[in-house]
Amino acid sequence: MSYSTFDQFQGIWLGSIIGQALANKNLSEPSKIINYQPSWLAARDQIAETLLETERLEVSYLADQLAEIFKSTNNIDSQDGDWANSWEFSLIKDFNQSFLDNGIAENRSLEYSSKILAMLPLIIFYGSDQNLFTEVINQCNLKLANSQENTDYIEDILSWGYLLTLAINNRLSSDTNVSLIVRQILTGARVKQTSLTAKLNIVAEAWEQGISLYQLRELLPKDHIRSTVIALSVYCFATTPQDFRLSIKRAASLEPQLAWLTTALTGTVSGAYNGIAGIPRNWRAMANHNLTYQSANQTIVKLFQAWLGIYSVDSKQFLYNPEVHAVAPPKIIQPRSALRIISQKLF
């Protein structure tokens, strides 16, 4: 578990990129990480920039911006040539076509479900305010099939956001207890009964009965890919909460269509829990050669400064240096009740 909030910001932001890169079963480990450019990252960066540039939060403005961002980054056929020839492009196209062939709505597709990764900046800043978050998503035109789909989408994001909030604030159980973490999510997020809540309960029961990941996969209903991968990521993380590598390896062992999103979500929550220091050093060294990763590092610093309340991030008066300044949630670095002040007279 990490106690430095900036370390956790790095882990939550970059863990998703490194985690998903390792879902590719066709390349060597260095090639996976060094060359990977997630299709959803452009939307996430644009949402982050929107939050940084917005001096005053207005729900309608934020919702309009989200709708525009998703509209401009939604069509995978409009991606550049390099990505169009990638394993990720083929995986998404094949999976989406299988959905359409079986008469399943487009908003349940793999690509559409990845929007939850793009919403990470919004979850970090406003995930704890469920009313505001719900209002933003409600006003954002996500082109969901019906009101029930809209409700389920919001509830899934609220549950996922609450899990990340628990991890960032060091409030997740430090024990390897999947059932306890599931209970923390379901009771704390105050969400309605949805496909995700049902699947999380299946995950908790499966862990108590000693059921393997592959057996669990067969137990989970085949509907709603989004809720399935969230539930699987909770299992992959919570079975080894303090081991980023093992959690990702577990998620990557699933079939490609599930591994693609499960590894990213597992990397996100494990990165939030363990911080960037919890990501294996060799993986971080490989990622340093990835231009996408380098750009993401710059975004993280800006977001963290804004999160701290340093709105003029270029001001030298309020400059935050993550290499010098340590920031953590209250009572984490040193609880006040345990504070000990040693008088200089003792020396």
Protein backbone atom coordinates (compact mmCIF):
# COMPACT_ATOMS: atom_id res chain seq x y z
CA MET A 1 0.00 0.00 0.00
CA SER A 2 1.29 3.47 -0.91
CA TYR A 3 1.01 6.44 1.45
CA SER A 4 2.11 9.18 -0.96
CA THR A 5 -0.82 10.64 -2.87
CA PHE A 6 1.30 11.72 -5.83
CA ASP A 7 2.75 8.22 -6.00
CA GLN A 8 -0.83 6.94 -6.15
CA PHE A 9 -1.77 9.48 -8.84
CA GLN A 10 1.07 8.14 -10.97
CA GLY A 11 0.05 4.56 -10.24
CA ILE A 12 -3.63 5.07 -11.06
CA TRP A 13 -2.86 6.97 -14.28
CA LEU A 14 -0.03 4.86 -15.64
CA GLY A 15 -1.08 1.48 -14.22
CA SER A 16 -3.95 1.32 -16.69
CA ILE A 17 -1.62 1.88 -19.66
CA ILE A 18 1.01 -0.64 -18.56
CA GLY A 19 -1.63 -3.14 -17.49
CA GLN A 20 -3.51 -3.08 -20.79
CA ALA A 21 -0.31 -3.24 -22.83
CA LEU A 22 0.39 -6.61 -21.25
CA ALA A 23 -2.91 -8.03 -22.50
CA ASN A 24 -1.30 -8.43 -25.93
CA LYS A 25 -0.34 -12.08 -26.27
CA ASN A 26 1.48 -11.65 -29.59
CA LEU A 27 4.61 -9.68 -28.60
CA SER A 28 7.50 -9.85 -26.18
CA GLU A 29 7.04 -8.01 -22.89
CA PRO A 30 9.30 -5.02 -23.80
CA SER A 31 7.60 -4.58 -27.19
CA LYS A 32 4.16 -4.67 -25.57
CA ILE A 33 4.93 -1.82 -23.19
CA ILE A 34 7.26 0.34 -25.30
CA ASN A 35 5.01 0.44 -28.39
CA TYR A 36 1.54 0.55 -26.85
CA GLN A 37 -0.79 3.50 -27.49
CA PRO A 38 -4.28 2.94 -26.01
CA SER A 39 -7.21 3.92 -28.22
CA TRP A 40 -9.06 5.51 -25.26
CA LEU A 41 -6.14 7.65 -24.09
CA ALA A 42 -6.91 10.59 -26.40
CA ALA A 43 -10.34 11.00 -24.81
CA ARG A 44 -8.88 10.73 -21.29
CA ASP A 45 -6.26 13.38 -22.03
CA GLN A 46 -8.89 15.71 -23.48
CA ILE A 47 -11.09 15.29 -20.40
CA ALA A 48 -8.10 16.04 -18.19
CA GLU A 49 -7.33 19.21 -20.16
CA THR A 50 -10.96 20.27 -19.90
CA LEU A 51 -10.85 19.95 -16.10
CA LEU A 52 -7.57 21.87 -15.94
CA GLU A 53 -8.88 24.69 -18.10
CA THR A 54 -12.27 25.00 -16.35
CA GLU A 55 -11.91 27.71 -13.70
CA ARG A 56 -15.43 27.21 -12.37
CA LEU A 57 -17.33 23.95 -12.48
CA GLU A 58 -20.56 24.14 -14.44
CA VAL A 59 -22.32 20.83 -14.89
CA SER A 60 -23.90 21.70 -18.24
CA TYR A 61 -20.59 22.91 -19.68
CA LEU A 62 -18.72 19.83 -18.45
CA ALA A 63 -21.41 17.51 -19.82
CA ASP A 64 -21.29 19.23 -23.22
CA GLN A 65 -17.51 18.90 -23.32
CA LEU A 66 -17.67 15.19 -22.47
CA ALA A 67 -20.24 14.58 -25.17
CA GLU A 68 -18.09 16.38 -27.74
CA ILE A 69 -14.94 14.52 -26.69
CA PHE A 70 -16.60 11.11 -26.94
CA LYS A 71 -18.13 12.03 -30.28
CA SER A 72 -14.77 13.04 -31.75
CA THR A 73 -12.92 9.96 -30.46
CA ASN A 74 -15.66 7.33 -30.79
CA ASN A 75 -15.15 5.90 -34.26
CA ILE A 76 -12.31 3.39 -34.40
CA ASP A 77 -12.42 3.50 -38.19
CA SER A 78 -11.17 7.10 -38.04
CA GLN A 79 -7.98 6.16 -36.13
CA ASP A 80 -4.58 6.58 -37.77
CA GLY A 81 -3.04 3.90 -39.95
CA ASP A 82 -0.64 2.52 -37.34
CA TRP A 83 -3.43 1.83 -34.88
CA ALA A 84 -5.71 0.48 -37.61
CA ASN A 85 -3.15 -2.27 -38.17
CA SER A 86 -2.71 -3.09 -34.49
CA TRP A 87 -3.85 -6.11 -32.47
CA GLU A 88 -6.13 -3.84 -30.47
CA PHE A 89 -7.99 -2.64 -33.56
CA SER A 90 -8.55 -6.22 -34.78
CA LEU A 91 -9.65 -7.38 -31.35
CA ILE A 92 -12.24 -4.60 -30.96
CA LYS A 93 -13.57 -4.97 -34.51
CA ASP A 94 -14.00 -8.73 -34.16
CA PHE A 95 -15.62 -8.47 -30.75
CA ASN A 96 -17.99 -5.68 -31.82
CA GLN A 97 -19.01 -7.60 -34.92
CA SER A 98 -19.86 -10.65 -32.83
CA PHE A 99 -22.07 -8.43 -30.70
CA LEU A 100 -23.87 -6.98 -33.70
CA ASP A 101 -24.27 -10.43 -35.29
CA ASN A 102 -26.03 -11.56 -32.13
CA GLY A 103 -28.32 -8.54 -32.09
CA ILE A 104 -26.72 -6.92 -29.05
CA ALA A 105 -26.81 -3.12 -28.84
CA GLU A 106 -23.70 -1.16 -29.81
CA ASN A 107 -23.52 0.48 -26.38
CA ARG A 108 -22.58 -2.91 -24.87
CA SER A 109 -19.60 -3.29 -27.18
CA LEU A 110 -15.97 -3.51 -26.07
CA GLU A 111 -15.05 -0.11 -27.47
CA TYR A 112 -18.03 1.59 -25.85
CA SER A 113 -17.25 -0.03 -22.49
CA SER A 114 -13.72 1.42 -22.59
CA LYS A 115 -15.20 4.88 -21.97
CA ILE A 116 -14.92 4.09 -18.28
CA LEU A 117 -11.13 4.34 -18.69
CA ALA A 118 -11.40 7.72 -20.40
CA MET A 119 -13.49 9.05 -17.49
CA LEU A 120 -10.68 8.57 -14.97
CA PRO A 121 -9.95 12.34 -14.53
CA LEU A 122 -13.60 12.96 -13.78
CA ILE A 123 -13.66 10.09 -11.29
CA ILE A 124 -10.52 11.39 -9.54
CA PHE A 125 -11.89 14.91 -9.14
CA TYR A 126 -15.60 14.29 -8.57
CA GLY A 127 -16.06 10.57 -7.94
CA SER A 128 -16.83 11.16 -4.26
CA ASP A 129 -19.69 13.53 -5.16
CA GLN A 130 -22.20 11.03 -6.49
CA ASN A 131 -24.94 13.62 -7.06
CA LEU A 132 -22.74 15.86 -9.18
CA PHE A 133 -21.25 12.94 -11.07
CA THR A 134 -24.69 11.52 -11.83
CA GLU A 135 -25.88 14.91 -13.07
CA VAL A 136 -22.91 15.27 -15.43
CA ILE A 137 -23.39 11.80 -16.95
CA ASN A 138 -27.14 12.32 -17.24
CA GLN A 139 -26.63 15.51 -19.22
CA CYS A 140 -23.89 13.98 -21.38
CA ASN A 141 -25.30 12.46 -24.56
CA LEU A 142 -23.80 8.98 -24.44
CA LYS A 143 -26.36 7.57 -26.90
CA LEU A 144 -27.46 4.79 -24.62
CA ALA A 145 -30.26 2.55 -25.79
CA ASN A 146 -32.76 3.45 -23.08
CA SER A 147 -33.16 4.92 -19.61
CA GLN A 148 -32.28 1.60 -17.95
CA GLU A 149 -28.99 1.43 -19.86
CA ASN A 150 -28.27 4.99 -18.76
CA THR A 151 -28.98 4.09 -15.13
CA ASP A 152 -26.82 0.97 -15.27
CA TYR A 153 -23.97 2.92 -16.87
CA ILE A 154 -24.03 5.55 -14.13
CA GLU A 155 -24.29 2.97 -11.37
CA ASP A 156 -21.34 1.01 -12.78
CA ILE A 157 -19.18 4.13 -12.96
CA LEU A 158 -20.20 5.16 -9.43
CA SER A 159 -19.22 1.74 -8.09
CA TRP A 160 -15.93 1.77 -9.96
CA GLY A 161 -15.24 5.36 -8.90
CA TYR A 162 -15.96 4.54 -5.27
CA LEU A 163 -13.48 1.65 -5.38
CA LEU A 164 -10.79 4.00 -6.71
CA THR A 165 -11.67 6.60 -4.06
CA LEU A 166 -11.22 3.97 -1.34
CA ALA A 167 -7.84 2.99 -2.81
CA ILE A 168 -6.55 6.57 -3.11
CA ASN A 169 -7.61 7.39 0.45
CA ASN A 170 -6.05 4.20 1.84
CA ARG A 171 -9.40 2.95 3.09
CA LEU A 172 -9.40 -0.42 1.34
CA SER A 173 -8.85 -3.47 3.45
CA SER A 174 -5.17 -4.43 3.57
CA ASP A 175 -6.11 -8.09 3.98
CA THR A 176 -6.51 -10.50 1.08
CA ASN A 177 -10.26 -10.66 1.46
CA VAL A 178 -12.25 -10.31 -1.75
CA SER A 179 -15.59 -10.54 0.04
CA LEU A 180 -14.71 -7.66 2.37
CA ILE A 181 -13.67 -5.40 -0.51
CA VAL A 182 -16.87 -6.24 -2.40
CA ARG A 183 -18.89 -5.34 0.70
CA GLN A 184 -17.00 -2.06 0.99
CA ILE A 185 -17.98 -1.19 -2.59
CA LEU A 186 -21.62 -2.22 -2.36
CA THR A 187 -22.33 -0.57 0.98
CA GLY A 188 -20.30 2.58 0.45
CA ALA A 189 -21.27 3.43 -3.11
CA ARG A 190 -25.01 3.24 -2.28
CA VAL A 191 -25.83 2.01 -5.78
CA LYS A 192 -28.98 0.34 -7.04
CA GLN A 193 -29.24 -3.32 -7.99
CA THR A 194 -27.69 -3.74 -11.43
CA SER A 195 -25.88 -6.37 -13.45
CA LEU A 196 -22.63 -5.26 -11.77
CA THR A 197 -23.89 -5.63 -8.20
CA ALA A 198 -25.10 -9.15 -9.01
CA LYS A 199 -21.73 -10.05 -10.53
CA LEU A 200 -19.80 -8.59 -7.59
CA ASN A 201 -21.82 -10.80 -5.26
CA ILE A 202 -20.93 -13.80 -7.45
CA VAL A 203 -17.24 -12.77 -7.19
CA ALA A 204 -17.44 -12.61 -3.39
CA GLU A 205 -19.12 -16.01 -3.13
CA ALA A 206 -16.66 -17.54 -5.60
CA TRP A 207 -13.69 -16.39 -3.52
CA GLU A 208 -15.21 -17.75 -0.31
CA GLN A 209 -15.69 -21.12 -2.01
CA GLY A 210 -12.15 -21.17 -3.44
CA ILE A 211 -13.31 -21.04 -7.06
CA SER A 212 -10.61 -20.22 -9.64
CA LEU A 213 -10.67 -17.27 -12.04
CA TYR A 214 -11.56 -19.53 -14.97
CA GLN A 215 -14.43 -21.11 -13.07
CA LEU A 216 -15.60 -17.65 -12.04
CA ARG A 217 -15.60 -16.55 -15.68
CA GLU A 218 -18.05 -19.33 -16.48
CA LEU A 219 -20.29 -18.37 -13.57
CA LEU A 220 -20.65 -14.74 -14.63
CA PRO A 221 -23.55 -13.95 -17.00
CA LYS A 222 -22.50 -13.18 -20.57
CA ASP A 223 -24.44 -9.90 -20.82
CA HIS A 224 -22.95 -6.44 -20.31
CA ILE A 225 -19.23 -6.71 -21.02
CA ARG A 226 -18.61 -3.57 -18.93
CA SER A 227 -19.97 -5.04 -15.70
CA THR A 228 -18.20 -8.35 -16.38
CA VAL A 229 -14.74 -6.81 -16.74
CA ILE A 230 -15.24 -4.58 -13.68
CA ALA A 231 -16.19 -7.63 -11.60
CA LEU A 232 -13.23 -9.62 -12.95
CA SER A 233 -10.83 -6.75 -12.27
CA VAL A 234 -12.03 -6.58 -8.66
CA TYR A 235 -11.28 -10.30 -8.32
CA CYS A 236 -7.86 -10.02 -10.00
CA PHE A 237 -6.84 -7.11 -7.78
CA ALA A 238 -8.39 -8.20 -4.48
CA THR A 239 -6.91 -11.70 -4.53
CA THR A 240 -3.39 -10.17 -4.45
CA PRO A 241 -3.91 -6.49 -3.52
CA GLN A 242 -0.26 -5.76 -2.76
CA ASP A 243 1.18 -7.44 -5.85
CA PHE A 244 0.69 -5.38 -9.04
CA ARG A 245 2.55 -7.87 -11.23
CA LEU A 246 0.57 -10.91 -10.15
CA SER A 247 -2.77 -9.09 -10.42
CA ILE A 248 -1.97 -8.04 -14.01
CA LYS A 249 -0.68 -11.47 -14.96
CA ARG A 250 -3.90 -12.99 -13.67
CA ALA A 251 -6.05 -10.57 -15.68
CA ALA A 252 -3.92 -11.06 -18.80
CA SER A 253 -4.50 -14.83 -18.66
CA LEU A 254 -8.16 -14.34 -19.64
CA GLU A 255 -9.28 -14.63 -23.25
CA PRO A 256 -8.18 -11.56 -25.27
CA GLN A 257 -11.58 -9.86 -25.47
CA LEU A 258 -11.90 -9.87 -21.68
CA ALA A 259 -8.21 -9.37 -20.91
CA TRP A 260 -8.06 -6.11 -22.92
CA LEU A 261 -10.29 -4.19 -20.49
CA THR A 262 -9.74 -6.30 -17.37
CA THR A 263 -5.98 -5.68 -17.37
CA ALA A 264 -6.51 -1.92 -17.73
CA LEU A 265 -9.03 -1.77 -14.89
CA THR A 266 -6.92 -4.05 -12.70
CA GLY A 267 -3.87 -1.89 -13.38
CA THR A 268 -5.86 1.22 -12.47
CA VAL A 269 -7.03 0.07 -9.05
CA SER A 270 -3.79 -1.77 -8.21
CA GLY A 271 -1.85 1.32 -9.25
CA ALA A 272 -4.03 3.47 -6.99
CA TYR A 273 -3.52 1.08 -4.09
CA ASN A 274 0.21 0.42 -4.48
CA GLY A 275 1.35 3.60 -6.19
CA ILE A 276 3.87 3.84 -8.99
CA ALA A 277 6.47 2.24 -6.71
CA GLY A 278 4.36 -0.92 -6.64
CA ILE A 279 4.66 -1.35 -10.41
CA PRO A 280 7.67 -3.60 -11.16
CA ARG A 281 10.79 -1.61 -11.90
CA ASN A 282 11.49 -3.36 -15.19
CA TRP A 283 7.99 -2.52 -16.45
CA ARG A 284 8.47 1.13 -15.47
CA ALA A 285 11.86 1.19 -17.20
CA MET A 286 10.27 -0.13 -20.40
CA ALA A 287 7.45 2.40 -20.14
CA ASN A 288 9.94 5.28 -19.94
CA HIS A 289 10.70 4.59 -23.61
CA ASN A 290 7.03 4.94 -24.54
CA LEU A 291 6.16 8.45 -25.79
CA THR A 292 2.57 8.02 -24.62
CA TYR A 293 3.79 7.25 -21.11
CA GLN A 294 6.10 10.29 -21.11
CA SER A 295 3.26 12.59 -22.15
CA ALA A 296 1.01 11.07 -19.49
CA ASN A 297 3.59 11.90 -16.82
CA GLN A 298 3.29 15.60 -17.62
CA THR A 299 -0.51 15.43 -17.42
CA ILE A 300 -0.31 13.72 -14.01
CA VAL A 301 1.73 16.54 -12.47
CA LYS A 302 -0.72 19.17 -13.73
CA LEU A 303 -3.73 17.20 -12.51
CA PHE A 304 -2.20 16.66 -9.09
CA GLN A 305 -1.37 20.34 -8.71
CA ALA A 306 -4.96 21.24 -9.60
CA TRP A 307 -6.26 18.56 -7.22
CA LEU A 308 -4.18 20.15 -4.43
CA GLY A 309 -5.79 23.50 -5.19
CA ILE A 310 -2.81 25.05 -6.97
CA TYR A 311 -4.86 26.51 -9.79
CA SER A 312 -2.05 28.56 -11.31
CA VAL A 313 0.11 25.55 -11.99
CA ASP A 314 2.84 27.62 -13.68
CA SER A 315 3.21 29.98 -10.72
CA LYS A 316 6.60 29.64 -9.02
CA GLN A 317 5.04 30.83 -5.77
CA PHE A 318 2.97 27.64 -5.51
CA LEU A 319 5.26 25.27 -7.38
CA TYR A 320 4.79 21.65 -6.36
CA ASN A 321 7.82 19.44 -6.78
CA PRO A 322 6.87 15.77 -6.41
CA GLU A 323 10.51 14.87 -5.80
CA VAL A 324 10.68 17.15 -2.75
CA HIS A 325 7.18 17.58 -1.32
CA ALA A 326 5.23 14.69 0.19
CA VAL A 327 1.44 14.87 0.27
CA ALA A 328 -0.89 12.26 1.73
CA PRO A 329 -4.47 12.08 2.99
CA PRO A 330 -5.03 13.33 6.58
CA LYS A 331 -3.70 11.08 9.37
CA ILE A 332 -1.77 8.91 6.93
CA ILE A 333 1.82 10.19 7.08
CA GLN A 334 1.56 10.63 10.87
CA PRO A 335 -1.74 10.57 12.77
CA ARG A 336 -2.05 13.60 15.03
CA SER A 337 -2.70 11.45 18.10
CA ALA A 338 0.68 9.80 17.57
CA LEU A 339 2.60 13.03 17.00
CA ARG A 340 5.79 13.24 19.08
CA ILE A 341 7.69 16.51 19.36
CA ILE A 342 11.22 16.14 20.74
CA SER A 343 12.55 19.21 22.53
CA GLN A 344 15.93 20.50 21.44
CA LYS A 345 16.87 20.65 25.11
CA LEU A 346 17.26 16.89 25.06
CA PHE A 347 20.34 17.20 22.86
